[in-house]
């Protein structure tokens, strides 16, 4: 291998970059990282859990803005993300396939105290990671510390609470190119107002994203079809009526509207897909949460109550199932109404015994309007008639999911380097699905295949 000479200017640049990198690593190495992975504040090196934590500074330095970036930088974690708003986490090779069965994800995803992953093994919106206190990823079973099932691990997105003492404000703008021509725009802003010093504070965060796509859809004839527009924000009010009590009210809203899917077909070419219309995975999430912290002499009580609504569009071209022989697509609208209550007691004593005990209740009603469609052109060309419109099957289904769990964990510390931890969890999950009347079905698929056989040019 030949070595290329380096000029003096290049050498200076390389030396400067190496020095800056070394100084940055030294600074990060000296920083004490405090996490709440065990439901109490501890140094990350002192907890008996495999955990990776990212501060806001770490997220900014690494360019992490969503689930994909967290997975790429966390050992043992893989995320399958075929398109926006469709994320499937695997931790240490463990996952579930619960789309139809209503099974929970093996990795619990929490935004503050709200589990957003308990809807099958796909999470909902890719949350905005601006003005967060910390992101923690805990590997391994966490069911004795968290209310939601977490067989393989848990990811916690901990947003910043209002500062009761100081006024703060920040803005950020991220302008970049994806590939050679797709413009990416991301804007964030935050303001913190101490309304009553040491007693009452307000913090508000907002964001807007507008990103060009990079996938060409040859079915719709649109280049860079998977563009994205997303916006939202959160408002948090923190009240501290006494030194032992805090009450936090949180309202958040997120709306993510990709214009098309990013799922590609390699046989069609690089970054190319085909569908008769744009495939849509759009979602709108609204959360309201009340969290109360009260410190007793022996333990801290944490009570979190959340109401959440999630409306989603799921439009997908399924014609590839039959090799593009006939038009076959699904337009579905989903509506989730969710109530979550989690209550925990965490020991505060300084003795060798530490413990956590909690109760978890989860209730969700998911309603989905299913509409399977053909296309007016195909119906007209083949002479298929009798359908009220292009939809050959329509029905509404709803699923009720309820989970109740009790969990706890005890740690006995014999020395700074030797301790024993034991935990127990009992849970009961009930899932029932129903189909409501009022829809209709037809023999479209049979008739369409026969029409294709006798009219192969259609």
Protein backbone atom coordinates (compact mmCIF):
# COMPACT_ATOMS: atom_id res chain seq x y z
CA UNK A 1 0.00 0.00 0.00
CA UNK A 2 1.36 3.45 -0.94
CA UNK A 3 1.36 6.30 1.53
CA UNK A 4 0.32 9.71 0.20
CA UNK A 5 2.30 12.73 1.47
CA UNK A 6 0.44 15.13 3.71
CA UNK A 7 1.03 18.86 3.44
CA UNK A 8 1.77 21.06 6.44
CA UNK A 9 -1.69 22.57 6.31
CA UNK A 10 -3.30 19.14 6.19
CA UNK A 11 -1.15 17.96 9.07
CA UNK A 12 -2.23 20.95 11.13
CA UNK A 13 -5.84 20.21 10.40
CA UNK A 14 -5.48 16.55 11.32
CA UNK A 15 -3.67 17.40 14.56
CA UNK A 16 -6.29 19.95 15.52
CA UNK A 17 -9.15 17.52 14.89
CA UNK A 18 -7.42 14.76 16.88
CA UNK A 19 -6.80 17.13 19.79
CA UNK A 20 -10.42 18.32 19.77
CA UNK A 21 -11.69 14.73 19.66
CA UNK A 22 -9.45 13.72 22.55
CA UNK A 23 -10.58 16.71 24.59
CA UNK A 24 -14.21 15.88 23.84
CA UNK A 25 -13.78 12.23 24.85
CA UNK A 26 -12.02 13.32 28.05
CA UNK A 27 -14.83 15.71 28.85
CA UNK A 28 -17.46 13.01 28.33
CA UNK A 29 -15.44 10.53 30.35
CA UNK A 30 -15.33 12.89 33.31
CA UNK A 31 -19.06 13.60 33.17
CA UNK A 32 -21.09 11.80 35.81
CA UNK A 33 -24.15 10.21 34.22
CA UNK A 34 -27.20 9.91 36.48
CA UNK A 35 -30.01 7.60 35.33
CA UNK A 36 -33.31 6.43 36.79
CA UNK A 37 -33.30 2.99 35.20
CA UNK A 38 -33.92 1.33 38.57
CA UNK A 39 -36.66 3.88 39.39
CA UNK A 40 -34.26 5.83 41.62
CA UNK A 41 -31.51 8.29 40.69
CA UNK A 42 -28.15 6.51 40.55
CA UNK A 43 -24.85 6.75 38.73
CA UNK A 44 -24.93 4.61 35.62
CA UNK A 45 -21.86 2.64 36.73
CA UNK A 46 -23.54 1.72 40.05
CA UNK A 47 -26.65 -0.03 38.71
CA UNK A 48 -26.86 -3.79 38.00
CA UNK A 49 -28.50 -3.31 34.60
CA UNK A 50 -27.11 -3.16 31.10
CA UNK A 51 -28.14 0.37 30.13
CA UNK A 52 -27.10 2.94 27.56
CA UNK A 53 -28.02 6.56 28.25
CA UNK A 54 -28.00 9.64 26.03
CA UNK A 55 -28.26 13.21 27.27
CA UNK A 56 -29.55 15.97 25.00
CA UNK A 57 -25.93 16.90 24.31
CA UNK A 58 -25.16 13.32 23.29
CA UNK A 59 -28.21 13.19 20.99
CA UNK A 60 -27.16 16.43 19.30
CA UNK A 61 -23.53 15.35 18.89
CA UNK A 62 -24.54 12.00 17.40
CA UNK A 63 -27.27 13.46 15.21
CA UNK A 64 -29.98 11.29 16.81
CA UNK A 65 -33.50 12.57 16.14
CA UNK A 66 -35.58 9.38 16.40
CA UNK A 67 -35.76 5.65 17.05
CA UNK A 68 -33.48 4.76 14.15
CA UNK A 69 -30.58 6.79 15.50
CA UNK A 70 -30.98 5.37 19.01
CA UNK A 71 -30.88 1.80 17.68
CA UNK A 72 -27.84 2.47 15.50
CA UNK A 73 -25.86 3.74 18.49
CA UNK A 74 -27.03 1.24 21.12
CA UNK A 75 -25.26 -2.16 21.35
CA UNK A 76 -27.52 -5.20 21.03
CA UNK A 77 -30.45 -3.22 19.58
CA UNK A 78 -31.93 -3.48 16.09
CA UNK A 79 -34.89 -1.56 14.70
CA UNK A 80 -36.76 -2.70 11.62
CA UNK A 81 -38.13 0.48 10.09
CA UNK A 82 -39.52 -0.13 6.60
CA UNK A 83 -41.14 3.31 6.55
CA UNK A 84 -41.97 6.32 8.69
CA UNK A 85 -44.12 5.68 11.80
CA UNK A 86 -43.56 1.93 11.65
CA UNK A 87 -40.85 0.78 14.05
CA UNK A 88 -40.11 -2.72 15.29
CA UNK A 89 -37.45 -3.11 18.00
CA UNK A 90 -35.41 -6.24 18.70
CA UNK A 91 -33.24 -6.37 21.82
CA UNK A 92 -30.68 -9.14 22.25
CA UNK A 93 -32.36 -11.06 19.44
CA UNK A 94 -35.76 -11.24 21.19
CA UNK A 95 -38.99 -10.00 19.65
CA UNK A 96 -42.63 -10.93 19.17
CA UNK A 97 -44.83 -11.04 16.10
CA UNK A 98 -48.03 -9.69 17.49
CA UNK A 99 -49.70 -7.67 14.74
CA UNK A 100 -52.75 -9.89 14.51
CA UNK A 101 -52.71 -11.47 17.95
CA UNK A 102 -52.51 -8.15 19.81
CA UNK A 103 -49.35 -9.24 21.58
CA UNK A 104 -47.22 -6.60 23.21
CA UNK A 105 -43.78 -5.70 22.04
CA UNK A 106 -40.85 -7.39 23.73
CA UNK A 107 -39.34 -3.90 24.11
CA UNK A 108 -41.40 -1.42 26.11
CA UNK A 109 -41.18 2.16 24.81
CA UNK A 110 -41.99 4.89 27.32
CA UNK A 111 -42.39 8.63 26.80
CA UNK A 112 -42.13 9.76 30.41
CA UNK A 113 -44.73 7.50 32.06
CA UNK A 114 -46.75 6.59 28.94
CA UNK A 115 -46.05 3.21 27.27
CA UNK A 116 -46.50 3.73 23.52
CA UNK A 117 -45.38 0.25 22.45
CA UNK A 118 -48.22 -1.85 23.85
CA UNK A 119 -50.06 -2.10 20.54
CA UNK A 120 -48.39 -5.06 18.87
CA UNK A 121 -44.73 -5.10 17.98
CA UNK A 122 -44.76 -1.82 16.09
CA UNK A 123 -44.57 1.47 17.92
CA UNK A 124 -46.49 4.52 16.88
CA UNK A 125 -45.03 7.88 15.95
CA UNK A 126 -41.32 8.52 15.79
CA UNK A 127 -41.17 11.00 18.70
CA UNK A 128 -39.34 14.30 18.55
CA UNK A 129 -36.15 14.12 20.64
CA UNK A 130 -35.65 17.81 21.40
CA UNK A 131 -35.44 19.22 24.90
CA UNK A 132 -35.30 15.81 26.54
CA UNK A 133 -33.57 15.17 29.83
CA UNK A 134 -32.32 11.78 28.78
CA UNK A 135 -32.97 8.71 26.66
CA UNK A 136 -32.26 5.40 28.38
CA UNK A 137 -32.21 1.98 26.77
CA UNK A 138 -32.29 -0.92 29.23
CA UNK A 139 -31.39 -4.32 27.82
CA UNK A 140 -32.79 -7.51 29.29
CA UNK A 141 -36.10 -8.24 31.10
CA UNK A 142 -37.44 -5.21 32.99
CA UNK A 143 -40.88 -6.46 34.04
CA UNK A 144 -40.17 -6.06 37.76
CA UNK A 145 -39.51 -2.33 37.34
CA UNK A 146 -41.97 -1.29 34.64
CA UNK A 147 -45.71 -1.67 34.36
CA UNK A 148 -45.81 -2.47 30.67
CA UNK A 149 -44.41 -5.82 29.61
CA UNK A 150 -40.72 -5.61 28.71
CA UNK A 151 -39.42 -9.11 28.06
CA UNK A 152 -36.34 -7.99 26.10
CA UNK A 153 -35.79 -4.44 27.32
CA UNK A 154 -37.19 -0.96 27.81
CA UNK A 155 -36.55 2.38 26.18
CA UNK A 156 -37.34 5.53 28.16
CA UNK A 157 -37.65 9.01 26.66
CA UNK A 158 -37.57 11.38 29.63
CA UNK A 159 -38.62 14.91 28.74
CA UNK A 160 -37.34 17.90 30.67
CA UNK A 161 -39.52 19.17 33.46
CA UNK A 162 -40.01 22.92 33.97
CA UNK A 163 -37.26 24.79 35.81
CA UNK A 164 -38.83 26.63 38.74
CA UNK A 165 -35.97 29.11 39.14
CA UNK A 166 -34.63 30.35 35.81
CA UNK A 167 -36.04 31.64 32.54
CA UNK A 168 -34.78 29.64 29.56
CA UNK A 169 -35.30 29.67 25.80
CA UNK A 170 -33.66 27.87 22.90
CA UNK A 171 -34.09 27.34 19.18
CA UNK A 172 -32.43 25.02 16.70
CA UNK A 173 -32.46 24.69 12.92
CA UNK A 174 -31.18 21.70 10.98
CA UNK A 175 -30.84 22.19 7.23
CA UNK A 176 -29.22 19.46 5.19
CA UNK A 177 -29.35 17.38 2.02
CA UNK A 178 -30.39 13.75 1.78
CA UNK A 179 -28.52 12.39 -1.20
CA UNK A 180 -27.70 15.10 -3.72
CA UNK A 181 -30.91 17.09 -3.98
CA UNK A 182 -33.45 16.25 -1.24
CA UNK A 183 -33.66 19.12 1.25
CA UNK A 184 -34.19 18.35 4.93
CA UNK A 185 -35.57 21.04 7.25
CA UNK A 186 -35.98 20.58 11.00
CA UNK A 187 -36.87 23.38 13.41
CA UNK A 188 -37.24 23.23 17.20
CA UNK A 189 -37.96 25.80 19.90
CA UNK A 190 -38.33 25.80 23.69
CA UNK A 191 -39.28 28.33 26.35
CA UNK A 192 -39.26 27.90 30.14
CA UNK A 193 -41.00 30.37 32.44
CA UNK A 194 -40.74 30.25 36.28
CA UNK A 195 -44.16 31.63 37.18
CA UNK A 196 -43.62 31.42 40.95
CA UNK A 197 -40.06 30.78 42.07
CA UNK A 198 -39.67 27.34 43.65
CA UNK A 199 -43.42 26.69 43.36
CA UNK A 200 -44.75 26.91 39.79
CA UNK A 201 -43.15 26.72 36.36
CA UNK A 202 -44.16 26.30 32.71
CA UNK A 203 -42.17 24.75 29.87
CA UNK A 204 -43.26 24.57 26.22
CA UNK A 205 -41.57 22.89 23.27
CA UNK A 206 -42.53 22.93 19.60
CA UNK A 207 -41.13 21.46 16.41
CA UNK A 208 -41.67 21.39 12.66
CA UNK A 209 -40.11 19.05 10.09
CA UNK A 210 -40.28 19.26 6.30
CA UNK A 211 -38.16 16.70 4.48
CA UNK A 212 -37.96 15.86 0.79
CA UNK A 213 -38.07 12.19 -0.13
CA UNK A 214 -35.55 10.01 -1.94
CA UNK A 215 -37.69 7.13 -3.23
CA UNK A 216 -39.25 7.21 -6.71
CA UNK A 217 -42.69 5.65 -7.11
CA UNK A 218 -43.01 4.44 -10.71
CA UNK A 219 -46.64 3.48 -10.11
CA UNK A 220 -47.77 7.01 -9.30
CA UNK A 221 -45.07 8.67 -11.42
CA UNK A 222 -43.83 10.77 -8.50
CA UNK A 223 -40.10 11.16 -7.87
CA UNK A 224 -38.89 11.58 -4.28
CA UNK A 225 -42.39 10.53 -3.25
CA UNK A 226 -41.72 9.76 0.41
CA UNK A 227 -41.54 13.35 1.60
CA UNK A 228 -42.46 14.10 5.20
CA UNK A 229 -44.20 16.88 7.04
CA UNK A 230 -44.43 16.59 10.82
CA UNK A 231 -45.17 19.03 13.61
CA UNK A 232 -46.18 19.10 17.24
CA UNK A 233 -45.23 20.16 20.71
CA UNK A 234 -45.77 19.72 24.41
CA UNK A 235 -46.63 21.96 27.34
CA UNK A 236 -45.66 21.02 30.89
CA UNK A 237 -46.76 22.70 34.11
CA UNK A 238 -44.88 21.80 37.31
CA UNK A 239 -46.29 22.61 40.75
CA UNK A 240 -44.31 22.11 43.96
CA UNK A 241 -46.62 22.88 46.88
CA UNK A 242 -44.09 21.54 49.41
CA UNK A 243 -40.56 20.18 49.60
CA UNK A 244 -41.99 16.66 49.53
CA UNK A 245 -44.57 16.94 46.79
CA UNK A 246 -44.52 17.66 43.06
CA UNK A 247 -47.37 17.62 40.57
CA UNK A 248 -46.65 17.72 36.84
CA UNK A 249 -49.31 18.28 34.19
CA UNK A 250 -48.28 17.43 30.64
CA UNK A 251 -50.08 17.81 27.32
CA UNK A 252 -48.46 16.80 24.05
CA UNK A 253 -49.46 16.65 20.41
CA UNK A 254 -47.69 15.13 17.41
CA UNK A 255 -48.81 14.90 13.79
CA UNK A 256 -46.71 12.97 11.27
CA UNK A 257 -47.73 12.97 7.60
CA UNK A 258 -45.42 11.09 5.23
CA UNK A 259 -46.60 11.54 1.63
CA UNK A 260 -45.69 7.97 0.67
CA UNK A 261 -43.98 4.88 2.03
CA UNK A 262 -40.20 4.45 1.94
CA UNK A 263 -40.52 0.69 1.43
CA UNK A 264 -38.73 -0.14 -1.83
CA UNK A 265 -38.58 -3.08 -4.24
CA UNK A 266 -34.94 -3.88 -5.18
CA UNK A 267 -36.03 -5.65 -8.36
CA UNK A 268 -37.31 -2.30 -9.69
CA UNK A 269 -34.06 -0.46 -9.11
CA UNK A 270 -32.34 1.47 -6.35
CA UNK A 271 -34.70 3.55 -4.20
CA UNK A 272 -37.66 2.58 -6.37
CA UNK A 273 -41.11 1.35 -5.50
CA UNK A 274 -44.45 0.80 -7.21
CA UNK A 275 -47.97 1.30 -5.92
CA UNK A 276 -51.11 2.48 -7.67
CA UNK A 277 -51.49 5.27 -5.12
CA UNK A 278 -49.26 6.59 -2.34
CA UNK A 279 -49.00 4.20 0.62
CA UNK A 280 -49.72 6.18 3.76
CA UNK A 281 -48.61 5.53 7.32
CA UNK A 282 -49.81 8.74 8.95
CA UNK A 283 -50.56 9.33 12.59
CA UNK A 284 -51.81 11.94 15.04
CA UNK A 285 -51.10 11.45 18.76
CA UNK A 286 -52.50 13.46 21.67
CA UNK A 287 -51.51 12.78 25.30
CA UNK A 288 -52.62 14.18 28.64
CA UNK A 289 -50.72 13.12 31.75
CA UNK A 290 -50.76 13.89 35.46
CA UNK A 291 -47.80 12.68 37.52
CA UNK A 292 -47.68 13.11 41.28
CA UNK A 293 -44.53 12.56 43.36
CA UNK A 294 -44.79 12.50 47.15
CA UNK A 295 -41.91 11.68 49.45
CA UNK A 296 -42.61 9.86 52.68
CA UNK A 297 -39.88 9.13 55.21
CA UNK A 298 -39.56 5.54 54.05
CA UNK A 299 -40.47 5.71 50.35
CA UNK A 300 -41.43 7.90 47.42
CA UNK A 301 -44.89 7.50 45.89
CA UNK A 302 -45.21 8.07 42.13
CA UNK A 303 -48.63 8.08 40.52
CA UNK A 304 -49.01 8.57 36.78
CA UNK A 305 -52.36 8.87 35.00
CA UNK A 306 -52.53 9.18 31.22
CA UNK A 307 -55.26 9.65 28.65
CA UNK A 308 -54.17 9.21 25.06
CA UNK A 309 -55.75 9.32 21.61
CA UNK A 310 -54.10 8.08 18.45
CA UNK A 311 -55.66 8.42 14.99
CA UNK A 312 -53.88 6.73 12.11
CA UNK A 313 -54.22 6.16 8.37
CA UNK A 314 -52.94 2.91 6.90
CA UNK A 315 -53.13 2.88 3.11
CA UNK A 316 -51.17 0.10 1.45
CA UNK A 317 -51.09 -1.39 -2.05
CA UNK A 318 -51.23 -5.18 -1.69
CA UNK A 319 -51.22 -6.05 -5.40
CA UNK A 320 -47.75 -7.52 -5.05
CA UNK A 321 -49.38 -10.38 -3.14
CA UNK A 322 -50.68 -11.66 -6.49
CA UNK A 323 -47.75 -10.53 -8.61
CA UNK A 324 -49.53 -7.32 -9.69
CA UNK A 325 -52.15 -9.37 -11.58
CA UNK A 326 -55.13 -7.49 -10.15
CA UNK A 327 -55.65 -4.28 -8.16
CA UNK A 328 -55.75 -5.18 -4.48
CA UNK A 329 -55.29 -2.54 -1.78
CA UNK A 330 -56.35 -1.66 1.76
CA UNK A 331 -57.42 1.74 3.04
CA UNK A 332 -57.75 1.57 6.82
CA UNK A 333 -58.43 4.18 9.47
CA UNK A 334 -57.60 3.39 13.09
CA UNK A 335 -58.59 5.13 16.30
CA UNK A 336 -57.06 4.31 19.69
CA UNK A 337 -58.48 5.50 23.01
CA UNK A 338 -56.12 4.70 25.86
CA UNK A 339 -56.11 4.98 29.64
CA UNK A 340 -53.01 4.10 31.67
CA UNK A 341 -52.51 4.18 35.45
CA UNK A 342 -49.18 3.28 37.00
CA UNK A 343 -48.42 3.65 40.71
CA UNK A 344 -45.10 2.87 42.35
CA UNK A 345 -43.49 3.00 45.78
CA UNK A 346 -39.70 3.34 45.77
CA UNK A 347 -37.74 2.96 49.00
CA UNK A 348 -35.82 5.99 50.33
CA UNK A 349 -34.04 4.40 53.26
CA UNK A 350 -30.23 4.42 53.26
CA UNK A 351 -29.87 0.87 54.58
CA UNK A 352 -28.68 -2.20 52.69
CA UNK A 353 -32.19 -3.07 51.48
CA UNK A 354 -33.70 -1.25 48.50
CA UNK A 355 -37.08 -2.06 47.01
CA UNK A 356 -39.64 -1.08 44.40
CA UNK A 357 -43.32 -2.07 44.32
CA UNK A 358 -45.85 -1.07 41.71
CA UNK A 359 -49.29 -1.49 40.16
CA UNK A 360 -50.14 -1.07 36.47
CA UNK A 361 -53.49 -0.79 34.69
CA UNK A 362 -53.86 -0.43 30.93
CA UNK A 363 -57.10 -0.14 28.98
CA UNK A 364 -57.37 0.49 25.24
CA UNK A 365 -60.15 0.49 22.68
CA UNK A 366 -58.90 0.29 19.09
CA UNK A 367 -61.44 0.84 16.32
CA UNK A 368 -60.47 0.22 12.70
CA UNK A 369 -62.46 0.92 9.53
CA UNK A 370 -61.30 -1.54 6.86
CA UNK A 371 -61.89 -0.81 3.19
CA UNK A 372 -60.42 -3.16 0.56
CA UNK A 373 -60.41 -1.66 -2.92
CA UNK A 374 -59.89 -2.42 -6.57
CA UNK A 375 -59.63 0.44 -9.08
CA UNK A 376 -62.29 2.04 -11.30
CA UNK A 377 -60.12 1.42 -14.38
CA UNK A 378 -59.82 -2.32 -13.74
CA UNK A 379 -63.51 -2.71 -12.94
CA UNK A 380 -64.45 -0.89 -16.13
CA UNK A 381 -61.96 -2.77 -18.33
CA UNK A 382 -63.07 -6.20 -17.12
CA UNK A 383 -66.78 -5.44 -16.99
CA UNK A 384 -67.04 -6.25 -13.31
CA UNK A 385 -70.19 -4.63 -11.94
CA UNK A 386 -72.47 -4.70 -8.95
CA UNK A 387 -70.09 -2.98 -6.52
CA UNK A 388 -71.23 0.32 -5.00
CA UNK A 389 -67.81 1.84 -5.72
CA UNK A 390 -64.18 0.74 -6.00
CA UNK A 391 -64.32 -0.87 -2.54
CA UNK A 392 -65.29 -4.52 -2.72
CA UNK A 393 -65.20 -5.20 1.04
CA UNK A 394 -65.89 -2.88 3.96
CA UNK A 395 -66.28 -3.56 7.66
CA UNK A 396 -65.51 -2.08 11.04
CA UNK A 397 -63.72 -3.95 13.80
CA UNK A 398 -62.73 -3.03 17.30
CA UNK A 399 -60.39 -4.55 19.86
CA UNK A 400 -60.51 -4.16 23.62
CA UNK A 401 -57.23 -4.74 25.40
CA UNK A 402 -56.87 -4.68 29.18
CA UNK A 403 -53.80 -5.40 31.25
CA UNK A 404 -53.39 -5.48 35.01
CA UNK A 405 -50.02 -6.10 36.59
CA UNK A 406 -48.33 -6.01 39.97
CA UNK A 407 -44.54 -5.95 40.11
CA UNK A 408 -41.72 -5.50 42.55
CA UNK A 409 -38.01 -5.83 43.10
CA UNK A 410 -35.74 -6.07 46.16
CA UNK A 411 -31.97 -5.51 46.27
CA UNK A 412 -29.80 -6.53 49.23
CA UNK A 413 -26.39 -4.79 49.20
CA UNK A 414 -23.68 -6.58 51.17
CA UNK A 415 -20.89 -4.30 49.95
CA UNK A 416 -20.16 -1.80 47.18
CA UNK A 417 -19.20 -4.64 44.88
CA UNK A 418 -21.61 -7.41 45.92
CA UNK A 419 -25.39 -7.35 45.98
CA UNK A 420 -28.32 -9.64 45.23
CA UNK A 421 -31.46 -8.55 43.37
CA UNK A 422 -34.71 -10.48 43.12
CA UNK A 423 -38.01 -9.53 41.52
CA UNK A 424 -41.52 -10.78 40.92
CA UNK A 425 -44.23 -9.86 38.43
CA UNK A 426 -47.81 -10.97 38.06
CA UNK A 427 -49.79 -9.85 35.07
CA UNK A 428 -53.04 -10.57 33.31
CA UNK A 429 -53.76 -9.47 29.73
CA UNK A 430 -57.11 -9.82 28.01
CA UNK A 431 -57.65 -9.08 24.33
CA UNK A 432 -61.00 -9.35 22.57
CA UNK A 433 -61.73 -8.45 18.96
CA UNK A 434 -65.15 -7.92 17.40
CA UNK A 435 -66.53 -7.14 13.95
CA UNK A 436 -69.46 -4.76 13.78
CA UNK A 437 -72.36 -5.15 11.42
CA UNK A 438 -73.16 -2.81 8.56
CA UNK A 439 -70.33 -3.70 6.21
CA UNK A 440 -70.37 -5.81 3.08
CA UNK A 441 -68.26 -8.31 1.18
CA UNK A 442 -68.18 -9.59 -2.40
CA UNK A 443 -66.55 -12.31 -4.48
CA UNK A 444 -64.35 -9.69 -6.17
CA UNK A 445 -61.12 -11.69 -5.90
CA UNK A 446 -62.61 -14.76 -7.62
CA UNK A 447 -64.25 -12.67 -10.33
CA UNK A 448 -61.10 -10.59 -10.81
CA UNK A 449 -58.91 -13.66 -11.34
CA UNK A 450 -61.42 -15.09 -13.83
CA UNK A 451 -61.54 -11.76 -15.63
CA UNK A 452 -57.76 -11.73 -15.79
CA UNK A 453 -57.71 -15.21 -17.28
CA UNK A 454 -60.26 -14.36 -19.97
CA UNK A 455 -58.98 -10.82 -20.48
CA UNK A 456 -55.22 -11.19 -19.98
CA UNK A 457 -54.51 -7.78 -21.45
CA UNK A 458 -56.22 -5.95 -18.56
